[in-house]
Amino acid sequence: MTSAQQKAAAADMLTGARNKGDGGEGLPSDALIQAFWGDVSEGCSPIGCMSLAEAGAMAYLIGRAPYAP
């Protein structure tokens, strides 16, 4: 994935988790998206068999406090 695709995926996953799962509205800040993508990337690196969706869910659930609306 290109950098732009990675950021778009992170924004989509984080927005969906916040809005559908925790009752948020709108888009998270760019800084929050960058932090989330960093957590997803870190989670994916040691476990090569994890899907992007699984890594995103794991990052959100583990780090829910700063990511929730």
PDB file of N, CA and C in Angstrom:
ATOM      1  N   MET A   1       0.831  -1.186   0.000  1.00  0.00           N
ATOM      2  CA  MET A   1       0.000   0.000   0.000  1.00  0.00           C
ATOM      3  C   MET A   1       0.874   1.247   0.000  1.00  0.00           C
ATOM      4  N   THR A   2       0.395   2.250  -0.694  1.00  0.00           N
ATOM      5  CA  THR A   2       1.100   3.531  -0.660  1.00  0.00           C
ATOM      6  C   THR A   2       0.794   4.231   0.670  1.00  0.00           C
ATOM      7  N   SER A   3       1.549   5.257   0.961  1.00  0.00           N
ATOM      8  CA  SER A   3       1.329   6.019   2.190  1.00  0.00           C
ATOM      9  C   SER A   3      -0.082   6.608   2.230  1.00  0.00           C
ATOM     10  N   ALA A   4      -0.544   7.124   1.106  1.00  0.00           N
ATOM     11  CA  ALA A   4      -1.893   7.700   1.047  1.00  0.00           C
ATOM     12  C   ALA A   4      -2.959   6.627   1.276  1.00  0.00           C
ATOM     13  N   GLN A   5      -2.748   5.442   0.729  1.00  0.00           N
ATOM     14  CA  GLN A   5      -3.691   4.343   0.930  1.00  0.00           C
ATOM     15  C   GLN A   5      -3.700   3.900   2.395  1.00  0.00           C
ATOM     16  N   GLN A   6      -2.533   3.879   3.003  1.00  0.00           N
ATOM     17  CA  GLN A   6      -2.440   3.494   4.407  1.00  0.00           C
ATOM     18  C   GLN A   6      -3.201   4.486   5.291  1.00  0.00           C
ATOM     19  N   LYS A   7      -3.018   5.757   5.031  1.00  0.00           N
ATOM     20  CA  LYS A   7      -3.703   6.777   5.818  1.00  0.00           C
ATOM     21  C   LYS A   7      -5.210   6.696   5.600  1.00  0.00           C
ATOM     22  N   ALA A   8      -5.636   6.465   4.366  1.00  0.00           N
ATOM     23  CA  ALA A   8      -7.066   6.339   4.077  1.00  0.00           C
ATOM     24  C   ALA A   8      -7.660   5.123   4.784  1.00  0.00           C
ATOM     25  N   ALA A   9      -6.928   4.018   4.798  1.00  0.00           N
ATOM     26  CA  ALA A   9      -7.406   2.815   5.485  1.00  0.00           C
ATOM     27  C   ALA A   9      -7.513   3.064   6.984  1.00  0.00           C
ATOM     28  N   ALA A  10      -6.514   3.713   7.546  1.00  0.00           N
ATOM     29  CA  ALA A  10      -6.540   4.020   8.982  1.00  0.00           C
ATOM     30  C   ALA A  10      -7.708   4.944   9.312  1.00  0.00           C
ATOM     31  N   ALA A  11      -7.920   5.956   8.492  1.00  0.00           N
ATOM     32  CA  ALA A  11      -9.027   6.885   8.721  1.00  0.00           C
ATOM     33  C   ALA A  11     -10.364   6.170   8.638  1.00  0.00           C
ATOM     34  N   ASP A  12     -10.519   5.292   7.665  1.00  0.00           N
ATOM     35  CA  ASP A  12     -11.760   4.555   7.497  1.00  0.00           C
ATOM     36  C   ASP A  12     -12.018   3.629   8.679  1.00  0.00           C
ATOM     37  N   MET A  13     -11.010   2.867   9.080  1.00  0.00           N
ATOM     38  CA  MET A  13     -11.185   1.939  10.199  1.00  0.00           C
ATOM     39  C   MET A  13     -11.478   2.677  11.499  1.00  0.00           C
ATOM     40  N   LEU A  14     -10.726   3.731  11.769  1.00  0.00           N
ATOM     41  CA  LEU A  14     -10.906   4.476  13.010  1.00  0.00           C
ATOM     42  C   LEU A  14     -12.259   5.183  13.034  1.00  0.00           C
ATOM     43  N   THR A  15     -12.644   5.784  11.928  1.00  0.00           N
ATOM     44  CA  THR A  15     -13.934   6.467  11.854  1.00  0.00           C
ATOM     45  C   THR A  15     -15.076   5.479  12.071  1.00  0.00           C
ATOM     46  N   GLY A  16     -14.992   4.335  11.417  1.00  0.00           N
ATOM     47  CA  GLY A  16     -16.036   3.322  11.574  1.00  0.00           C
ATOM     48  C   GLY A  16     -16.136   2.814  13.000  1.00  0.00           C
ATOM     49  N   ALA A  17     -14.999   2.551  13.615  1.00  0.00           N
ATOM     50  CA  ALA A  17     -15.010   2.050  14.995  1.00  0.00           C
ATOM     51  C   ALA A  17     -15.584   3.090  15.948  1.00  0.00           C
ATOM     52  N   ARG A  18     -15.183   4.332  15.780  1.00  0.00           N
ATOM     53  CA  ARG A  18     -15.657   5.400  16.669  1.00  0.00           C
ATOM     54  C   ARG A  18     -17.150   5.679  16.475  1.00  0.00           C
ATOM     55  N   ASN A  19     -17.585   5.746  15.222  1.00  0.00           N
ATOM     56  CA  ASN A  19     -18.952   6.151  14.933  1.00  0.00           C
ATOM     57  C   ASN A  19     -19.959   5.014  15.098  1.00  0.00           C
ATOM     58  N   LYS A  20     -19.610   3.829  14.664  1.00  0.00           N
ATOM     59  CA  LYS A  20     -20.539   2.702  14.762  1.00  0.00           C
ATOM     60  C   LYS A  20     -20.442   2.005  16.105  1.00  0.00           C
ATOM     61  N   GLY A  21     -19.234   1.853  16.612  1.00  0.00           N
ATOM     62  CA  GLY A  21     -19.048   1.100  17.843  1.00  0.00           C
ATOM     63  C   GLY A  21     -19.221   1.909  19.107  1.00  0.00           C
ATOM     64  N   ASP A  22     -18.861   3.189  19.070  1.00  0.00           N
ATOM     65  CA  ASP A  22     -18.878   3.997  20.281  1.00  0.00           C
ATOM     66  C   ASP A  22     -19.751   5.234  20.194  1.00  0.00           C
ATOM     67  N   GLY A  23     -20.580   5.322  19.169  1.00  0.00           N
ATOM     68  CA  GLY A  23     -21.544   6.419  19.072  1.00  0.00           C
ATOM     69  C   GLY A  23     -20.968   7.779  18.720  1.00  0.00           C
ATOM     70  N   GLY A  24     -19.790   7.811  18.130  1.00  0.00           N
ATOM     71  CA  GLY A  24     -19.199   9.084  17.737  1.00  0.00           C
ATOM     72  C   GLY A  24     -19.838   9.637  16.485  1.00  0.00           C
ATOM     73  N   GLU A  25     -19.412  10.829  16.115  1.00  0.00           N
ATOM     74  CA  GLU A  25     -19.897  11.473  14.894  1.00  0.00           C
ATOM     75  C   GLU A  25     -18.731  12.157  14.205  1.00  0.00           C
ATOM     76  N   GLY A  26     -18.712  12.085  12.899  1.00  0.00           N
ATOM     77  CA  GLY A  26     -17.702  12.800  12.127  1.00  0.00           C
ATOM     78  C   GLY A  26     -16.360  12.096  12.073  1.00  0.00           C
ATOM     79  N   LEU A  27     -15.369  12.852  11.597  1.00  0.00           N
ATOM     80  CA  LEU A  27     -14.030  12.310  11.386  1.00  0.00           C
ATOM     81  C   LEU A  27     -13.114  12.616  12.569  1.00  0.00           C
ATOM     82  N   PRO A  28     -12.223  11.668  12.888  1.00  0.00           N
ATOM     83  CA  PRO A  28     -11.214  11.959  13.903  1.00  0.00           C
ATOM     84  C   PRO A  28     -10.169  12.921  13.344  1.00  0.00           C
ATOM     85  N   SER A  29      -9.393  13.518  14.221  1.00  0.00           N
ATOM     86  CA  SER A  29      -8.351  14.455  13.785  1.00  0.00           C
ATOM     87  C   SER A  29      -7.250  13.712  13.023  1.00  0.00           C
ATOM     88  N   ASP A  30      -6.505  14.463  12.218  1.00  0.00           N
ATOM     89  CA  ASP A  30      -5.374  13.870  11.494  1.00  0.00           C
ATOM     90  C   ASP A  30      -4.364  13.269  12.464  1.00  0.00           C
ATOM     91  N   ALA A  31      -4.124  13.935  13.580  1.00  0.00           N
ATOM     92  CA  ALA A  31      -3.160  13.427  14.572  1.00  0.00           C
ATOM     93  C   ALA A  31      -3.627  12.097  15.151  1.00  0.00           C
ATOM     94  N   LEU A  32      -4.916  11.967  15.397  1.00  0.00           N
ATOM     95  CA  LEU A  32      -5.442  10.715  15.938  1.00  0.00           C
ATOM     96  C   LEU A  32      -5.358   9.602  14.896  1.00  0.00           C
ATOM     97  N   ILE A  33      -5.621   9.942  13.641  1.00  0.00           N
ATOM     98  CA  ILE A  33      -5.498   8.956  12.556  1.00  0.00           C
ATOM     99  C   ILE A  33      -4.049   8.484  12.441  1.00  0.00           C
ATOM    100  N   GLN A  34      -3.103   9.408  12.494  1.00  0.00           N
ATOM    101  CA  GLN A  34      -1.679   9.046  12.413  1.00  0.00           C
ATOM    102  C   GLN A  34      -1.283   8.137  13.580  1.00  0.00           C
ATOM    103  N   ALA A  35      -1.754   8.463  14.785  1.00  0.00           N
ATOM    104  CA  ALA A  35      -1.440   7.640  15.955  1.00  0.00           C
ATOM    105  C   ALA A  35      -2.039   6.247  15.806  1.00  0.00           C
ATOM    106  N   PHE A  36      -3.269   6.186  15.317  1.00  0.00           N
ATOM    107  CA  PHE A  36      -3.931   4.900  15.106  1.00  0.00           C
ATOM    108  C   PHE A  36      -3.176   4.074  14.065  1.00  0.00           C
ATOM    109  N   TRP A  37      -2.803   4.697  12.958  1.00  0.00           N
ATOM    110  CA  TRP A  37      -2.075   3.963  11.926  1.00  0.00           C
ATOM    111  C   TRP A  37      -0.739   3.451  12.472  1.00  0.00           C
ATOM    112  N   GLY A  38      -0.081   4.226  13.308  1.00  0.00           N
ATOM    113  CA  GLY A  38       1.155   3.775  13.933  1.00  0.00           C
ATOM    114  C   GLY A  38       0.929   2.545  14.783  1.00  0.00           C
ATOM    115  N   ASP A  39      -0.166   2.529  15.541  1.00  0.00           N
ATOM    116  CA  ASP A  39      -0.483   1.363  16.363  1.00  0.00           C
ATOM    117  C   ASP A  39      -0.820   0.146  15.511  1.00  0.00           C
ATOM    118  N   VAL A  40      -1.560   0.356  14.428  1.00  0.00           N
ATOM    119  CA  VAL A  40      -1.893  -0.756  13.528  1.00  0.00           C
ATOM    120  C   VAL A  40      -0.621  -1.302  12.886  1.00  0.00           C
ATOM    121  N   SER A  41       0.241  -0.424  12.422  1.00  0.00           N
ATOM    122  CA  SER A  41       1.492  -0.858  11.792  1.00  0.00           C
ATOM    123  C   SER A  41       2.370  -1.623  12.769  1.00  0.00           C
ATOM    124  N   GLU A  42       2.433  -1.140  13.990  1.00  0.00           N
ATOM    125  CA  GLU A  42       3.232  -1.807  15.015  1.00  0.00           C
ATOM    126  C   GLU A  42       2.655  -3.185  15.331  1.00  0.00           C
ATOM    127  N   GLY A  43       1.344  -3.287  15.370  1.00  0.00           N
ATOM    128  CA  GLY A  43       0.702  -4.566  15.645  1.00  0.00           C
ATOM    129  C   GLY A  43       0.859  -5.564  14.519  1.00  0.00           C
ATOM    130  N   CYS A  44       0.932  -5.077  13.290  1.00  0.00           N
ATOM    131  CA  CYS A  44       1.063  -5.959  12.132  1.00  0.00           C
ATOM    132  C   CYS A  44       2.474  -6.499  11.962  1.00  0.00           C
ATOM    133  N   SER A  45       3.471  -5.741  12.349  1.00  0.00           N
ATOM    134  CA  SER A  45       4.842  -6.128  12.030  1.00  0.00           C
ATOM    135  C   SER A  45       5.294  -7.457  12.641  1.00  0.00           C
ATOM    136  N   PRO A  46       5.007  -7.764  13.916  1.00  0.00           N
ATOM    137  CA  PRO A  46       5.489  -9.044  14.424  1.00  0.00           C
ATOM    138  C   PRO A  46       4.634 -10.228  13.994  1.00  0.00           C
ATOM    139  N   ILE A  47       3.404  -9.963  13.561  1.00  0.00           N
ATOM    140  CA  ILE A  47       2.487 -11.048  13.202  1.00  0.00           C
ATOM    141  C   ILE A  47       2.118 -10.883  11.739  1.00  0.00           C
ATOM    142  N   GLY A  48       2.854 -11.513  10.872  1.00  0.00           N
ATOM    143  CA  GLY A  48       2.636 -11.345   9.441  1.00  0.00           C
ATOM    144  C   GLY A  48       1.361 -11.973   8.926  1.00  0.00           C
ATOM    145  N   CYS A  49       0.724 -12.825   9.704  1.00  0.00           N
ATOM    146  CA  CYS A  49      -0.466 -13.525   9.209  1.00  0.00           C
ATOM    147  C   CYS A  49      -1.768 -12.825   9.587  1.00  0.00           C
ATOM    148  N   MET A  50      -1.695 -11.699  10.268  1.00  0.00           N
ATOM    149  CA  MET A  50      -2.894 -10.972  10.685  1.00  0.00           C
ATOM    150  C   MET A  50      -3.386 -10.084   9.546  1.00  0.00           C
ATOM    151  N   SER A  51      -4.695 -10.050   9.355  1.00  0.00           N
ATOM    152  CA  SER A  51      -5.240  -9.170   8.316  1.00  0.00           C
ATOM    153  C   SER A  51      -5.237  -7.732   8.803  1.00  0.00           C
ATOM    154  N   LEU A  52      -5.367  -6.820   7.885  1.00  0.00           N
ATOM    155  CA  LEU A  52      -5.414  -5.395   8.222  1.00  0.00           C
ATOM    156  C   LEU A  52      -6.618  -5.101   9.115  1.00  0.00           C
ATOM    157  N   ALA A  53      -7.754  -5.709   8.803  1.00  0.00           N
ATOM    158  CA  ALA A  53      -8.955  -5.504   9.611  1.00  0.00           C
ATOM    159  C   ALA A  53      -8.756  -6.016  11.036  1.00  0.00           C
ATOM    160  N   GLU A  54      -8.117  -7.162  11.175  1.00  0.00           N
ATOM    161  CA  GLU A  54      -7.849  -7.712  12.503  1.00  0.00           C
ATOM    162  C   GLU A  54      -6.900  -6.818  13.290  1.00  0.00           C
ATOM    163  N   ALA A  55      -5.874  -6.334  12.624  1.00  0.00           N
ATOM    164  CA  ALA A  55      -4.913  -5.446  13.287  1.00  0.00           C
ATOM    165  C   ALA A  55      -5.583  -4.140  13.696  1.00  0.00           C
ATOM    166  N   GLY A  56      -6.461  -3.611  12.856  1.00  0.00           N
ATOM    167  CA  GLY A  56      -7.178  -2.389  13.188  1.00  0.00           C
ATOM    168  C   GLY A  56      -8.105  -2.579  14.377  1.00  0.00           C
ATOM    169  N   ALA A  57      -8.824  -3.695  14.387  1.00  0.00           N
ATOM    170  CA  ALA A  57      -9.717  -3.982  15.518  1.00  0.00           C
ATOM    171  C   ALA A  57      -8.923  -4.146  16.804  1.00  0.00           C
ATOM    172  N   MET A  58      -7.820  -4.853  16.725  1.00  0.00           N
ATOM    173  CA  MET A  58      -6.981  -5.063  17.900  1.00  0.00           C
ATOM    174  C   MET A  58      -6.439  -3.727  18.420  1.00  0.00           C
ATOM    175  N   ALA A  59      -5.939  -2.898  17.535  1.00  0.00           N
ATOM    176  CA  ALA A  59      -5.380  -1.606  17.947  1.00  0.00           C
ATOM    177  C   ALA A  59      -6.452  -0.731  18.585  1.00  0.00           C
ATOM    178  N   TYR A  60      -7.652  -0.738  18.020  1.00  0.00           N
ATOM    179  CA  TYR A  60      -8.731   0.084  18.571  1.00  0.00           C
ATOM    180  C   TYR A  60      -9.163  -0.425  19.940  1.00  0.00           C
ATOM    181  N   LEU A  61      -9.358  -1.724  20.048  1.00  0.00           N
ATOM    182  CA  LEU A  61      -9.844  -2.271  21.312  1.00  0.00           C
ATOM    183  C   LEU A  61      -8.814  -2.156  22.426  1.00  0.00           C
ATOM    184  N   ILE A  62      -7.558  -2.370  22.110  1.00  0.00           N
ATOM    185  CA  ILE A  62      -6.505  -2.254  23.135  1.00  0.00           C
ATOM    186  C   ILE A  62      -6.316  -0.803  23.532  1.00  0.00           C
ATOM    187  N   GLY A  63      -6.326   0.095  22.556  1.00  0.00           N
ATOM    188  CA  GLY A  63      -6.098   1.508  22.835  1.00  0.00           C
ATOM    189  C   GLY A  63      -7.364   2.335  22.821  1.00  0.00           C
ATOM    190  N   ARG A  64      -8.461   1.766  23.237  1.00  0.00           N
ATOM    191  CA  ARG A  64      -9.765   2.411  23.102  1.00  0.00           C
ATOM    192  C   ARG A  64      -9.849   3.785  23.775  1.00  0.00           C
ATOM    193  N   ALA A  65      -9.243   3.948  24.912  1.00  0.00           N
ATOM    194  CA  ALA A  65      -9.373   5.211  25.649  1.00  0.00           C
ATOM    195  C   ALA A  65      -9.005   6.444  24.806  1.00  0.00           C
ATOM    196  N   PRO A  66      -7.842   6.461  24.164  1.00  0.00           N
ATOM    197  CA  PRO A  66      -7.534   7.668  23.381  1.00  0.00           C
ATOM    198  C   PRO A  66      -8.278   7.749  22.044  1.00  0.00           C
ATOM    199  N   TYR A  67      -8.771   6.623  21.541  1.00  0.00           N
ATOM    200  CA  TYR A  67      -9.408   6.617  20.227  1.00  0.00           C
ATOM    201  C   TYR A  67     -10.906   6.829  20.274  1.00  0.00           C
ATOM    202  N   ALA A  68     -11.546   6.467  21.359  1.00  0.00           N
ATOM    203  CA  ALA A  68     -13.006   6.599  21.460  1.00  0.00           C
ATOM    204  C   ALA A  68     -13.396   8.082  21.442  1.00  0.00           C
ATOM    205  N   PRO A  69     -14.600   8.370  20.957  1.00  0.00           N
ATOM    206  CA  PRO A  69     -15.045   9.766  20.899  1.00  0.00           C
ATOM    207  C   PRO A  69     -15.235  10.365  22.281  1.00  0.00           C
TER     208      PRO A  69
END
